[in-house]
Amino acid sequence: MVPDEKRGTAYGLYNLAFGITVFPASLLFGLVWNQFGAATAFLASGCVSVLAIVLLLSIKPRKETIET
């Protein structure tokens, strides 16, 4: 989804986003587990996962033009 010359930057940004979000997500999951129980925590996690799948499937790749 990114040009060849930008792959390193894209990989770095992906890891940055993952690193920044994984701690708060784990913290939130633990808080939901403590307040409402394991079933609710996993149900909420599953709902967020389904939403992520829907959003990822809605991304349309760019059509690259071939110059001759």
N, C-alpha and C. Protein backbone atom coordinates (compact mmCIF):
# COMPACT_ATOMS: atom_id res chain seq x y z
N MET A 1 0.80 -1.20 0.00
CA MET A 1 0.00 0.00 0.00
C MET A 1 0.85 1.27 0.00
N VAL A 2 2.15 1.11 0.17
CA VAL A 2 3.04 2.27 0.13
C VAL A 2 4.10 2.05 -0.94
N PRO A 3 4.63 3.13 -1.48
CA PRO A 3 5.69 2.98 -2.49
C PRO A 3 6.92 2.29 -1.89
N ASP A 4 7.70 1.66 -2.75
CA ASP A 4 8.88 0.92 -2.31
C ASP A 4 9.83 1.77 -1.48
N GLU A 5 10.02 3.01 -1.88
CA GLU A 5 10.99 3.87 -1.18
C GLU A 5 10.48 4.33 0.19
N LYS A 6 9.21 4.10 0.49
CA LYS A 6 8.64 4.52 1.78
C LYS A 6 8.33 3.34 2.70
N ARG A 7 8.73 2.13 2.33
CA ARG A 7 8.38 0.96 3.14
C ARG A 7 9.00 0.99 4.53
N GLY A 8 10.24 1.43 4.64
CA GLY A 8 10.88 1.52 5.96
C GLY A 8 10.16 2.50 6.87
N THR A 9 9.77 3.64 6.30
CA THR A 9 9.04 4.64 7.07
C THR A 9 7.68 4.10 7.51
N ALA A 10 7.00 3.43 6.59
CA ALA A 10 5.69 2.86 6.92
C ALA A 10 5.80 1.80 8.01
N TYR A 11 6.82 0.96 7.93
CA TYR A 11 7.03 -0.06 8.95
C TYR A 11 7.32 0.59 10.30
N GLY A 12 8.12 1.63 10.31
CA GLY A 12 8.41 2.35 11.54
C GLY A 12 7.18 3.00 12.13
N LEU A 13 6.36 3.62 11.30
CA LEU A 13 5.13 4.25 11.78
C LEU A 13 4.15 3.22 12.32
N TYR A 14 4.09 2.06 11.66
CA TYR A 14 3.23 0.98 12.14
C TYR A 14 3.67 0.55 13.54
N ASN A 15 4.96 0.33 13.73
CA ASN A 15 5.46 -0.09 15.03
C ASN A 15 5.28 0.99 16.09
N LEU A 16 5.41 2.24 15.71
CA LEU A 16 5.16 3.35 16.63
C LEU A 16 3.70 3.33 17.08
N ALA A 17 2.78 3.22 16.12
CA ALA A 17 1.36 3.20 16.46
C ALA A 17 1.02 1.99 17.33
N PHE A 18 1.59 0.85 17.01
CA PHE A 18 1.34 -0.36 17.79
C PHE A 18 1.86 -0.18 19.22
N GLY A 19 3.06 0.32 19.34
CA GLY A 19 3.65 0.52 20.66
C GLY A 19 2.90 1.51 21.52
N ILE A 20 2.40 2.57 20.91
CA ILE A 20 1.67 3.59 21.66
C ILE A 20 0.30 3.08 22.10
N THR A 21 -0.34 2.24 21.29
CA THR A 21 -1.70 1.81 21.59
C THR A 21 -1.79 0.53 22.40
N VAL A 22 -0.76 -0.30 22.40
CA VAL A 22 -0.88 -1.60 23.06
C VAL A 22 -0.97 -1.45 24.58
N PHE A 23 -0.26 -0.52 25.18
CA PHE A 23 -0.34 -0.35 26.64
C PHE A 23 -1.72 0.13 27.09
N PRO A 24 -2.25 1.22 26.51
CA PRO A 24 -3.60 1.64 26.95
C PRO A 24 -4.67 0.58 26.67
N ALA A 25 -4.53 -0.15 25.57
CA ALA A 25 -5.51 -1.20 25.26
C ALA A 25 -5.46 -2.30 26.32
N SER A 26 -4.26 -2.70 26.71
CA SER A 26 -4.13 -3.72 27.75
C SER A 26 -4.66 -3.22 29.09
N LEU A 27 -4.39 -1.98 29.39
CA LEU A 27 -4.88 -1.39 30.62
C LEU A 27 -6.41 -1.34 30.63
N LEU A 28 -6.99 -0.91 29.53
CA LEU A 28 -8.45 -0.85 29.42
C LEU A 28 -9.07 -2.23 29.53
N PHE A 29 -8.46 -3.22 28.87
CA PHE A 29 -8.96 -4.59 28.94
C PHE A 29 -8.95 -5.08 30.39
N GLY A 30 -7.87 -4.81 31.11
CA GLY A 30 -7.78 -5.21 32.51
C GLY A 30 -8.81 -4.53 33.39
N LEU A 31 -9.04 -3.25 33.14
CA LEU A 31 -10.06 -2.52 33.91
C LEU A 31 -11.46 -3.07 33.65
N VAL A 32 -11.78 -3.36 32.39
CA VAL A 32 -13.09 -3.94 32.06
C VAL A 32 -13.21 -5.31 32.71
N TRP A 33 -12.15 -6.09 32.69
CA TRP A 33 -12.16 -7.42 33.30
C TRP A 33 -12.46 -7.30 34.80
N ASN A 34 -11.77 -6.39 35.47
CA ASN A 34 -11.97 -6.24 36.92
C ASN A 34 -13.36 -5.73 37.27
N GLN A 35 -13.89 -4.82 36.46
CA GLN A 35 -15.19 -4.22 36.77
C GLN A 35 -16.37 -5.11 36.37
N PHE A 36 -16.26 -5.76 35.20
CA PHE A 36 -17.43 -6.45 34.63
C PHE A 36 -17.23 -7.94 34.39
N GLY A 37 -16.01 -8.43 34.54
CA GLY A 37 -15.76 -9.85 34.38
C GLY A 37 -15.11 -10.17 33.04
N ALA A 38 -14.60 -11.40 32.98
CA ALA A 38 -13.86 -11.85 31.81
C ALA A 38 -14.73 -11.91 30.55
N ALA A 39 -15.95 -12.38 30.70
CA ALA A 39 -16.83 -12.52 29.53
C ALA A 39 -17.06 -11.18 28.84
N THR A 40 -17.31 -10.15 29.62
CA THR A 40 -17.54 -8.82 29.05
C THR A 40 -16.28 -8.28 28.39
N ALA A 41 -15.14 -8.51 29.02
CA ALA A 41 -13.88 -8.03 28.44
C ALA A 41 -13.63 -8.69 27.09
N PHE A 42 -13.82 -10.01 27.02
CA PHE A 42 -13.59 -10.70 25.75
C PHE A 42 -14.65 -10.35 24.71
N LEU A 43 -15.88 -10.14 25.12
CA LEU A 43 -16.93 -9.73 24.19
C LEU A 43 -16.62 -8.36 23.59
N ALA A 44 -16.19 -7.43 24.44
CA ALA A 44 -15.82 -6.10 23.95
C ALA A 44 -14.63 -6.19 23.00
N SER A 45 -13.65 -7.03 23.34
CA SER A 45 -12.48 -7.21 22.48
C SER A 45 -12.89 -7.79 21.13
N GLY A 46 -13.80 -8.75 21.15
CA GLY A 46 -14.29 -9.33 19.90
C GLY A 46 -15.03 -8.32 19.04
N CYS A 47 -15.83 -7.46 19.68
CA CYS A 47 -16.56 -6.43 18.93
C CYS A 47 -15.60 -5.44 18.28
N VAL A 48 -14.57 -5.05 19.00
CA VAL A 48 -13.56 -4.14 18.44
C VAL A 48 -12.83 -4.82 17.28
N SER A 49 -12.57 -6.12 17.40
CA SER A 49 -11.89 -6.85 16.32
C SER A 49 -12.75 -6.92 15.07
N VAL A 50 -14.04 -7.17 15.23
CA VAL A 50 -14.94 -7.21 14.07
C VAL A 50 -15.01 -5.84 13.41
N LEU A 51 -15.07 -4.80 14.21
CA LEU A 51 -15.06 -3.43 13.66
C LEU A 51 -13.78 -3.17 12.88
N ALA A 52 -12.65 -3.63 13.41
CA ALA A 52 -11.38 -3.44 12.71
C ALA A 52 -11.36 -4.18 11.38
N ILE A 53 -11.93 -5.39 11.34
CA ILE A 53 -12.01 -6.15 10.09
C ILE A 53 -12.83 -5.39 9.06
N VAL A 54 -13.97 -4.88 9.49
CA VAL A 54 -14.84 -4.13 8.57
C VAL A 54 -14.11 -2.90 8.03
N LEU A 55 -13.42 -2.18 8.91
CA LEU A 55 -12.70 -0.99 8.46
C LEU A 55 -11.55 -1.35 7.53
N LEU A 56 -10.83 -2.43 7.82
CA LEU A 56 -9.73 -2.84 6.93
C LEU A 56 -10.24 -3.28 5.56
N LEU A 57 -11.37 -3.95 5.54
CA LEU A 57 -11.93 -4.38 4.26
C LEU A 57 -12.47 -3.21 3.44
N SER A 58 -12.72 -2.08 4.09
CA SER A 58 -13.25 -0.92 3.35
C SER A 58 -12.14 -0.11 2.69
N ILE A 59 -10.87 -0.42 2.99
CA ILE A 59 -9.76 0.30 2.38
C ILE A 59 -9.59 -0.16 0.94
N LYS A 60 -9.56 0.78 0.05
CA LYS A 60 -9.36 0.46 -1.36
C LYS A 60 -7.92 0.80 -1.74
N PRO A 61 -7.19 -0.18 -2.29
CA PRO A 61 -5.82 0.11 -2.68
C PRO A 61 -5.76 1.11 -3.83
N ARG A 62 -4.68 1.89 -3.86
CA ARG A 62 -4.48 2.84 -4.94
C ARG A 62 -4.18 2.11 -6.23
N LYS A 63 -4.73 2.61 -7.29
CA LYS A 63 -4.41 2.06 -8.61
C LYS A 63 -3.17 2.79 -9.11
N GLU A 64 -2.11 2.04 -9.32
CA GLU A 64 -0.87 2.65 -9.80
C GLU A 64 -0.93 2.75 -11.33
N THR A 65 -0.47 3.86 -11.81
CA THR A 65 -0.43 4.03 -13.25
C THR A 65 0.93 3.57 -13.76
N ILE A 66 0.90 2.86 -14.86
CA ILE A 66 2.13 2.37 -15.47
C ILE A 66 2.49 3.31 -16.61
N GLU A 67 3.64 3.94 -16.47
CA GLU A 67 4.09 4.85 -17.51
C GLU A 67 5.00 4.11 -18.47
N THR A 68 4.73 4.27 -19.74
CA THR A 68 5.58 3.60 -20.75
C THR A 68 6.36 4.61 -21.54
